[in-house]
Structures are given as structure tokens and as C-alpha cells.
Amino acid sequence: MSLSRQSLEILLDLIEIKVSVIEVQDKDDARELNKLRKCRQELVNELSKMHTRRSTSLLKSSRQSRLASGRRRSISRH
């Protein structure tokens, strides 16, 4: 299942809110906090991957545009 960027950001915000208010009083709370931190890191990694894929996609698209534009110019010159 793939989540949208917006959904990932919302989940990240909710986890950060919970992490900020959790009071560790026993081992179970400490485990819960560690799970939340791990989950937060996974979401951050996913957002980073999305950003990287989007940037790569935009670069490829831009490169293809420039190549196509260059071909059109060279064809029209002949």
C-alpha cells in the first residue's frame, strides 16, 4: 500500500504530537516511545524517498524537454 505525501505528513505530525506529550513512567511507556520514534523515522525516510523520486523525475523530464527542443531546433535549421 502506498500513501500520499500528504498522508505521510499528517501521520508524522500526529506521531510527533504523541511523542511530545508521552510521559515515560515504566518500561511499557519506554517501549511505546521507542516504537513511536522508530515509526517517525520510517515516515521521514519515506518522505525523503518521495522527494528524491520526484526530484529525479523532474530532472529526467526537464532533460527530455531540452533534448526534444534541441532536436526541433536542429531539424528546423536544415
N, C-alpha and C. Protein backbone atom coordinates (compact mmCIF):
# COMPACT_ATOMS: atom_id res chain seq x y z
N MET A 1 0.85 -1.18 0.00
CA MET A 1 0.00 0.00 0.00
C MET A 1 0.89 1.24 0.00
N SER A 2 0.55 2.16 -0.85
CA SER A 2 1.31 3.40 -0.97
C SER A 2 0.50 4.55 -0.40
N LEU A 3 1.15 5.38 0.40
CA LEU A 3 0.48 6.54 0.98
C LEU A 3 0.91 7.80 0.25
N SER A 4 0.01 8.75 0.21
CA SER A 4 0.34 10.03 -0.42
C SER A 4 1.27 10.82 0.49
N ARG A 5 1.91 11.79 -0.11
CA ARG A 5 2.80 12.67 0.67
C ARG A 5 2.02 13.36 1.79
N GLN A 6 0.82 13.81 1.47
CA GLN A 6 0.00 14.49 2.48
C GLN A 6 -0.32 13.56 3.65
N SER A 7 -0.67 12.32 3.35
CA SER A 7 -0.98 11.35 4.41
C SER A 7 0.24 11.08 5.28
N LEU A 8 1.40 10.94 4.65
CA LEU A 8 2.63 10.72 5.41
C LEU A 8 2.92 11.90 6.33
N GLU A 9 2.73 13.11 5.83
CA GLU A 9 2.98 14.30 6.64
C GLU A 9 2.01 14.39 7.82
N ILE A 10 0.75 14.04 7.59
CA ILE A 10 -0.24 14.06 8.67
C ILE A 10 0.12 13.04 9.74
N LEU A 11 0.47 11.83 9.32
CA LEU A 11 0.87 10.79 10.27
C LEU A 11 2.11 11.21 11.05
N LEU A 12 3.05 11.82 10.36
CA LEU A 12 4.26 12.30 11.03
C LEU A 12 3.92 13.35 12.08
N ASP A 13 3.04 14.28 11.75
CA ASP A 13 2.61 15.29 12.73
C ASP A 13 1.95 14.66 13.94
N LEU A 14 1.07 13.68 13.71
CA LEU A 14 0.38 13.02 14.82
C LEU A 14 1.37 12.28 15.73
N ILE A 15 2.33 11.61 15.13
CA ILE A 15 3.33 10.90 15.93
C ILE A 15 4.17 11.88 16.73
N GLU A 16 4.56 12.99 16.10
CA GLU A 16 5.36 13.98 16.82
C GLU A 16 4.59 14.58 17.99
N ILE A 17 3.30 14.78 17.82
CA ILE A 17 2.47 15.29 18.92
C ILE A 17 2.46 14.28 20.06
N LYS A 18 2.24 13.01 19.73
CA LYS A 18 2.19 11.97 20.76
C LYS A 18 3.53 11.84 21.47
N VAL A 19 4.63 11.87 20.71
CA VAL A 19 5.96 11.78 21.31
C VAL A 19 6.19 12.93 22.28
N SER A 20 5.70 14.11 21.92
CA SER A 20 5.95 15.29 22.76
C SER A 20 5.15 15.28 24.07
N VAL A 21 4.06 14.53 24.11
CA VAL A 21 3.24 14.54 25.33
C VAL A 21 3.34 13.27 26.16
N ILE A 22 3.98 12.25 25.63
CA ILE A 22 4.07 10.99 26.37
C ILE A 22 4.94 11.15 27.60
N GLU A 23 4.48 10.61 28.71
CA GLU A 23 5.24 10.62 29.95
C GLU A 23 5.69 9.21 30.25
N VAL A 24 6.98 9.01 30.23
CA VAL A 24 7.52 7.67 30.47
C VAL A 24 7.57 7.42 31.97
N GLN A 25 6.76 6.43 32.39
CA GLN A 25 6.73 6.09 33.81
C GLN A 25 7.14 4.65 34.07
N ASP A 26 7.13 3.84 33.02
CA ASP A 26 7.55 2.45 33.19
C ASP A 26 8.11 1.92 31.88
N LYS A 27 8.49 0.63 31.89
CA LYS A 27 9.10 0.03 30.71
C LYS A 27 8.15 0.01 29.51
N ASP A 28 6.87 -0.19 29.77
CA ASP A 28 5.90 -0.19 28.67
C ASP A 28 5.84 1.17 27.98
N ASP A 29 5.87 2.22 28.76
CA ASP A 29 5.88 3.57 28.18
C ASP A 29 7.16 3.81 27.38
N ALA A 30 8.28 3.33 27.91
CA ALA A 30 9.56 3.48 27.21
C ALA A 30 9.53 2.72 25.89
N ARG A 31 8.96 1.52 25.90
CA ARG A 31 8.84 0.74 24.66
C ARG A 31 7.95 1.46 23.66
N GLU A 32 6.84 2.00 24.14
CA GLU A 32 5.92 2.74 23.28
C GLU A 32 6.62 3.95 22.65
N LEU A 33 7.39 4.67 23.44
CA LEU A 33 8.13 5.83 22.94
C LEU A 33 9.14 5.40 21.88
N ASN A 34 9.84 4.31 22.11
CA ASN A 34 10.79 3.82 21.12
C ASN A 34 10.09 3.41 19.83
N LYS A 35 8.93 2.77 19.94
CA LYS A 35 8.17 2.39 18.75
C LYS A 35 7.74 3.63 17.97
N LEU A 36 7.29 4.65 18.68
CA LEU A 36 6.88 5.88 18.03
C LEU A 36 8.05 6.56 17.34
N ARG A 37 9.20 6.57 17.97
CA ARG A 37 10.39 7.18 17.37
C ARG A 37 10.81 6.41 16.12
N LYS A 38 10.75 5.08 16.18
CA LYS A 38 11.10 4.27 15.01
C LYS A 38 10.10 4.54 13.88
N CYS A 39 8.84 4.60 14.21
CA CYS A 39 7.80 4.87 13.22
C CYS A 39 8.02 6.25 12.59
N ARG A 40 8.33 7.23 13.43
CA ARG A 40 8.59 8.59 12.93
C ARG A 40 9.75 8.58 11.94
N GLN A 41 10.81 7.84 12.27
CA GLN A 41 11.97 7.79 11.39
C GLN A 41 11.62 7.11 10.06
N GLU A 42 10.80 6.07 10.11
CA GLU A 42 10.37 5.40 8.88
C GLU A 42 9.57 6.34 7.99
N LEU A 43 8.70 7.14 8.61
CA LEU A 43 7.91 8.10 7.83
C LEU A 43 8.81 9.18 7.22
N VAL A 44 9.77 9.65 7.99
CA VAL A 44 10.71 10.65 7.47
C VAL A 44 11.48 10.06 6.29
N ASN A 45 11.90 8.80 6.40
CA ASN A 45 12.62 8.14 5.30
C ASN A 45 11.74 8.03 4.06
N GLU A 46 10.48 7.68 4.24
CA GLU A 46 9.56 7.57 3.10
C GLU A 46 9.36 8.93 2.43
N LEU A 47 9.20 9.97 3.23
CA LEU A 47 9.05 11.31 2.65
C LEU A 47 10.31 11.70 1.88
N SER A 48 11.45 11.35 2.42
CA SER A 48 12.71 11.65 1.75
C SER A 48 12.80 10.91 0.42
N LYS A 49 12.41 9.65 0.42
CA LYS A 49 12.41 8.86 -0.82
C LYS A 49 11.48 9.48 -1.85
N MET A 50 10.29 9.90 -1.40
CA MET A 50 9.33 10.52 -2.31
C MET A 50 9.94 11.78 -2.93
N HIS A 51 10.60 12.56 -2.09
CA HIS A 51 11.21 13.80 -2.57
C HIS A 51 12.31 13.50 -3.59
N THR A 52 13.11 12.48 -3.29
CA THR A 52 14.20 12.10 -4.20
C THR A 52 13.64 11.60 -5.52
N ARG A 53 12.61 10.74 -5.46
CA ARG A 53 12.00 10.23 -6.69
C ARG A 53 11.40 11.37 -7.49
N ARG A 54 10.74 12.29 -6.83
CA ARG A 54 10.12 13.43 -7.52
C ARG A 54 11.18 14.30 -8.18
N SER A 55 12.26 14.57 -7.44
CA SER A 55 13.35 15.39 -7.99
C SER A 55 13.97 14.71 -9.20
N THR A 56 14.21 13.41 -9.08
CA THR A 56 14.79 12.65 -10.18
C THR A 56 13.86 12.67 -11.38
N SER A 57 12.58 12.50 -11.12
CA SER A 57 11.59 12.51 -12.20
C SER A 57 11.55 13.88 -12.88
N LEU A 58 11.61 14.94 -12.10
CA LEU A 58 11.59 16.29 -12.67
C LEU A 58 12.84 16.54 -13.50
N LEU A 59 13.99 16.05 -13.01
CA LEU A 59 15.23 16.23 -13.77
C LEU A 59 15.17 15.50 -15.10
N LYS A 60 14.67 14.27 -15.07
CA LYS A 60 14.55 13.50 -16.31
C LYS A 60 13.62 14.20 -17.28
N SER A 61 12.49 14.68 -16.76
CA SER A 61 11.51 15.37 -17.58
C SER A 61 12.12 16.62 -18.20
N SER A 62 12.86 17.37 -17.40
CA SER A 62 13.49 18.59 -17.88
C SER A 62 14.53 18.26 -18.94
N ARG A 63 15.32 17.22 -18.70
CA ARG A 63 16.34 16.80 -19.67
C ARG A 63 15.70 16.39 -20.98
N GLN A 64 14.61 15.62 -20.89
CA GLN A 64 13.92 15.17 -22.09
C GLN A 64 13.35 16.36 -22.86
N SER A 65 12.85 17.34 -22.16
CA SER A 65 12.32 18.55 -22.79
C SER A 65 13.41 19.28 -23.55
N ARG A 66 14.56 19.43 -22.90
CA ARG A 66 15.67 20.12 -23.55
C ARG A 66 16.15 19.37 -24.77
N LEU A 67 16.21 18.04 -24.66
CA LEU A 67 16.65 17.24 -25.81
C LEU A 67 15.66 17.37 -26.97
N ALA A 68 14.38 17.28 -26.66
CA ALA A 68 13.36 17.40 -27.70
C ALA A 68 13.41 18.78 -28.33
N SER A 69 13.60 19.79 -27.51
CA SER A 69 13.67 21.16 -28.01
C SER A 69 14.89 21.32 -28.92
N GLY A 70 16.01 20.75 -28.51
CA GLY A 70 17.22 20.80 -29.32
C GLY A 70 17.04 20.10 -30.65
N ARG A 71 16.34 18.96 -30.64
CA ARG A 71 16.09 18.23 -31.89
C ARG A 71 15.21 19.07 -32.82
N ARG A 72 14.20 19.72 -32.25
CA ARG A 72 13.31 20.54 -33.08
C ARG A 72 14.09 21.68 -33.72
N ARG A 73 15.00 22.30 -32.94
CA ARG A 73 15.78 23.40 -33.48
C ARG A 73 16.72 22.93 -34.58
N SER A 74 17.35 21.77 -34.36
CA SER A 74 18.30 21.29 -35.39
C SER A 74 17.56 20.86 -36.65
N ILE A 75 16.36 20.34 -36.52
CA ILE A 75 15.59 19.95 -37.69
C ILE A 75 15.14 21.19 -38.45
N SER A 76 14.70 22.23 -37.72
CA SER A 76 14.21 23.43 -38.39
C SER A 76 15.34 24.22 -39.06
N ARG A 77 16.58 24.03 -38.64
CA ARG A 77 17.71 24.75 -39.24
C ARG A 77 18.09 24.15 -40.58
N HIS A 78 17.79 22.90 -40.81
CA HIS A 78 18.20 22.24 -42.04
C HIS A 78 17.22 22.47 -43.13
